[in-house]
């Protein structure tokens, strides 16, 4: 928030990932930023970090760097209903994330 609205951001990523909800918040903050955002994948942008990378206006990734995307996953303990509820939540997260990846790639979200 302390940056000028049009400041250039060079974001350097080397992360195995983390919370998908934190990644979505970071992605949205970067997309709202009016200045140019360049994401440099220095080593790995895996899991939730790969979604953050999609917020860049430009993504720079050397040949020996890694980008790892996978379906959302989680752990649940409880009843069958708890497990069904978690599965439904993961499906919703997946659909939401696919929109960001598809938007960046220029490819349709769902293809046969």
C-alpha atoms as a PDB file:
ATOM      1  CA  UNK A   1       0.000   0.000   0.000  1.00  0.00           C
ATOM      2  CA  UNK A   2       2.964   2.355   0.465  1.00  0.00           C
ATOM      3  CA  UNK A   3       3.941   2.127  -3.212  1.00  0.00           C
ATOM      4  CA  UNK A   4       2.757   4.764  -5.651  1.00  0.00           C
ATOM      5  CA  UNK A   5      -0.161   3.470  -7.728  1.00  0.00           C
ATOM      6  CA  UNK A   6       1.918   3.347 -10.901  1.00  0.00           C
ATOM      7  CA  UNK A   7       5.176   1.975  -9.412  1.00  0.00           C
ATOM      8  CA  UNK A   8       6.872  -0.819 -11.317  1.00  0.00           C
ATOM      9  CA  UNK A   9       6.973  -4.085  -9.356  1.00  0.00           C
ATOM     10  CA  UNK A  10       9.620  -6.746  -9.930  1.00  0.00           C
ATOM     11  CA  UNK A  11       8.400  -9.773  -7.985  1.00  0.00           C
ATOM     12  CA  UNK A  12      10.964 -12.530  -7.514  1.00  0.00           C
ATOM     13  CA  UNK A  13       9.461 -15.951  -6.807  1.00  0.00           C
ATOM     14  CA  UNK A  14      11.177 -19.016  -5.407  1.00  0.00           C
ATOM     15  CA  UNK A  15       8.466 -20.770  -3.448  1.00  0.00           C
ATOM     16  CA  UNK A  16       7.064 -24.271  -2.956  1.00  0.00           C
ATOM     17  CA  UNK A  17       3.615 -22.722  -2.444  1.00  0.00           C
ATOM     18  CA  UNK A  18       1.347 -22.433   0.540  1.00  0.00           C
ATOM     19  CA  UNK A  19      -2.186 -21.342   1.255  1.00  0.00           C
ATOM     20  CA  UNK A  20      -4.336 -21.053  -1.849  1.00  0.00           C
ATOM     21  CA  UNK A  21      -6.384 -18.305  -0.206  1.00  0.00           C
ATOM     22  CA  UNK A  22      -3.260 -16.255   0.548  1.00  0.00           C
ATOM     23  CA  UNK A  23      -2.170 -16.771  -3.065  1.00  0.00           C
ATOM     24  CA  UNK A  24      -5.541 -15.564  -4.357  1.00  0.00           C
ATOM     25  CA  UNK A  25      -5.290 -12.450  -2.167  1.00  0.00           C
ATOM     26  CA  UNK A  26      -1.752 -11.698  -3.433  1.00  0.00           C
ATOM     27  CA  UNK A  27      -2.831 -12.360  -7.039  1.00  0.00           C
ATOM     28  CA  UNK A  28      -5.777  -9.962  -6.681  1.00  0.00           C
ATOM     29  CA  UNK A  29      -3.624  -7.253  -5.072  1.00  0.00           C
ATOM     30  CA  UNK A  30      -1.089  -7.492  -7.904  1.00  0.00           C
ATOM     31  CA  UNK A  31      -3.828  -7.418 -10.566  1.00  0.00           C
ATOM     32  CA  UNK A  32      -5.304  -4.261  -8.985  1.00  0.00           C
ATOM     33  CA  UNK A  33      -1.930  -2.534  -9.119  1.00  0.00           C
ATOM     34  CA  UNK A  34      -1.820   0.069 -11.896  1.00  0.00           C
ATOM     35  CA  UNK A  35       1.924  -0.168 -12.520  1.00  0.00           C
ATOM     36  CA  UNK A  36       3.749  -2.807 -14.545  1.00  0.00           C
ATOM     37  CA  UNK A  37       4.252  -6.101 -12.676  1.00  0.00           C
ATOM     38  CA  UNK A  38       7.053  -8.401 -13.792  1.00  0.00           C
ATOM     39  CA  UNK A  39       7.252 -11.804 -12.139  1.00  0.00           C
ATOM     40  CA  UNK A  40      10.641 -13.483 -12.172  1.00  0.00           C
ATOM     41  CA  UNK A  41      10.550 -17.208 -11.399  1.00  0.00           C
ATOM     42  CA  UNK A  42      14.079 -17.596 -10.075  1.00  0.00           C
ATOM     43  CA  UNK A  43      13.885 -21.234  -8.988  1.00  0.00           C
ATOM     44  CA  UNK A  44      10.403 -22.643  -8.484  1.00  0.00           C
ATOM     45  CA  UNK A  45       6.874 -21.315  -8.407  1.00  0.00           C
ATOM     46  CA  UNK A  46       4.950 -24.357  -7.242  1.00  0.00           C
ATOM     47  CA  UNK A  47       1.403 -24.901  -6.129  1.00  0.00           C
ATOM     48  CA  UNK A  48      -0.087 -21.665  -4.766  1.00  0.00           C
ATOM     49  CA  UNK A  49       3.006 -19.698  -5.850  1.00  0.00           C
ATOM     50  CA  UNK A  50       2.292 -20.668  -9.466  1.00  0.00           C
ATOM     51  CA  UNK A  51      -1.020 -18.826  -9.197  1.00  0.00           C
ATOM     52  CA  UNK A  52       0.697 -15.701  -7.882  1.00  0.00           C
ATOM     53  CA  UNK A  53       2.954 -15.820 -10.940  1.00  0.00           C
ATOM     54  CA  UNK A  54      -0.106 -15.525 -13.189  1.00  0.00           C
ATOM     55  CA  UNK A  55      -0.677 -11.979 -11.881  1.00  0.00           C
ATOM     56  CA  UNK A  56       2.372 -10.658 -13.711  1.00  0.00           C
ATOM     57  CA  UNK A  57       2.012  -8.528 -16.808  1.00  0.00           C
ATOM     58  CA  UNK A  58       5.238 -10.256 -17.815  1.00  0.00           C
ATOM     59  CA  UNK A  59       6.561 -13.571 -16.523  1.00  0.00           C
ATOM     60  CA  UNK A  60      10.287 -14.291 -16.845  1.00  0.00           C
ATOM     61  CA  UNK A  61      11.319 -17.896 -16.309  1.00  0.00           C
ATOM     62  CA  UNK A  62      14.795 -19.235 -17.137  1.00  0.00           C
ATOM     63  CA  UNK A  63      15.081 -22.678 -18.734  1.00  0.00           C
ATOM     64  CA  UNK A  64      16.214 -24.239 -15.459  1.00  0.00           C
ATOM     65  CA  UNK A  65      13.354 -22.821 -13.362  1.00  0.00           C
ATOM     66  CA  UNK A  66      10.166 -24.724 -12.540  1.00  0.00           C
ATOM     67  CA  UNK A  67       6.457 -23.935 -12.563  1.00  0.00           C
ATOM     68  CA  UNK A  68       4.263 -26.580 -10.951  1.00  0.00           C
ATOM     69  CA  UNK A  69       0.470 -26.526 -11.180  1.00  0.00           C
ATOM     70  CA  UNK A  70      -1.826 -29.116  -9.631  1.00  0.00           C
ATOM     71  CA  UNK A  71      -5.403 -29.547  -8.531  1.00  0.00           C
ATOM     72  CA  UNK A  72      -6.085 -28.073  -5.098  1.00  0.00           C
ATOM     73  CA  UNK A  73      -5.665 -30.490  -2.235  1.00  0.00           C
ATOM     74  CA  UNK A  74      -6.353 -30.518   1.459  1.00  0.00           C
ATOM     75  CA  UNK A  75      -6.806 -32.643   4.521  1.00  0.00           C
ATOM     76  CA  UNK A  76      -9.995 -33.339   6.383  1.00  0.00           C
ATOM     77  CA  UNK A  77     -10.891 -35.378   9.409  1.00  0.00           C
ATOM     78  CA  UNK A  78     -14.431 -36.077  10.366  1.00  0.00           C
ATOM     79  CA  UNK A  79     -17.619 -37.556   9.083  1.00  0.00           C
ATOM     80  CA  UNK A  80     -18.527 -38.544   5.539  1.00  0.00           C
ATOM     81  CA  UNK A  81     -20.439 -35.251   5.300  1.00  0.00           C
ATOM     82  CA  UNK A  82     -17.298 -33.338   6.345  1.00  0.00           C
ATOM     83  CA  UNK A  83     -15.368 -35.096   3.587  1.00  0.00           C
ATOM     84  CA  UNK A  84     -18.048 -34.422   0.963  1.00  0.00           C
ATOM     85  CA  UNK A  85     -18.133 -30.768   2.008  1.00  0.00           C
ATOM     86  CA  UNK A  86     -14.355 -30.481   1.683  1.00  0.00           C
ATOM     87  CA  UNK A  87     -14.448 -32.164  -1.742  1.00  0.00           C
ATOM     88  CA  UNK A  88     -17.091 -29.654  -2.882  1.00  0.00           C
ATOM     89  CA  UNK A  89     -14.987 -26.758  -1.587  1.00  0.00           C
ATOM     90  CA  UNK A  90     -11.911 -28.072  -3.430  1.00  0.00           C
ATOM     91  CA  UNK A  91     -13.954 -28.321  -6.638  1.00  0.00           C
ATOM     92  CA  UNK A  92     -14.994 -24.663  -6.259  1.00  0.00           C
ATOM     93  CA  UNK A  93     -11.406 -23.593  -5.658  1.00  0.00           C
ATOM     94  CA  UNK A  94     -10.292 -25.524  -8.747  1.00  0.00           C
ATOM     95  CA  UNK A  95     -12.831 -23.797 -10.998  1.00  0.00           C
ATOM     96  CA  UNK A  96     -11.791 -20.406  -9.646  1.00  0.00           C
ATOM     97  CA  UNK A  97      -8.062 -21.036 -10.146  1.00  0.00           C
ATOM     98  CA  UNK A  98      -8.541 -22.386 -13.657  1.00  0.00           C
ATOM     99  CA  UNK A  99      -9.988 -19.013 -14.653  1.00  0.00           C
ATOM    100  CA  UNK A 100      -6.747 -17.267 -13.647  1.00  0.00           C
ATOM    101  CA  UNK A 101      -4.495 -19.767 -15.408  1.00  0.00           C
ATOM    102  CA  UNK A 102      -6.668 -19.740 -18.532  1.00  0.00           C
ATOM    103  CA  UNK A 103      -6.824 -15.964 -18.568  1.00  0.00           C
ATOM    104  CA  UNK A 104      -3.049 -15.708 -18.502  1.00  0.00           C
ATOM    105  CA  UNK A 105      -2.522 -18.422 -21.111  1.00  0.00           C
ATOM    106  CA  UNK A 106      -5.143 -17.110 -23.507  1.00  0.00           C
ATOM    107  CA  UNK A 107      -6.482 -20.656 -23.810  1.00  0.00           C
ATOM    108  CA  UNK A 108     -10.041 -21.684 -22.974  1.00  0.00           C
ATOM    109  CA  UNK A 109     -10.617 -22.789 -19.396  1.00  0.00           C
ATOM    110  CA  UNK A 110     -12.053 -26.117 -20.475  1.00  0.00           C
ATOM    111  CA  UNK A 111     -10.990 -27.987 -23.567  1.00  0.00           C
ATOM    112  CA  UNK A 112     -11.720 -31.493 -24.753  1.00  0.00           C
END
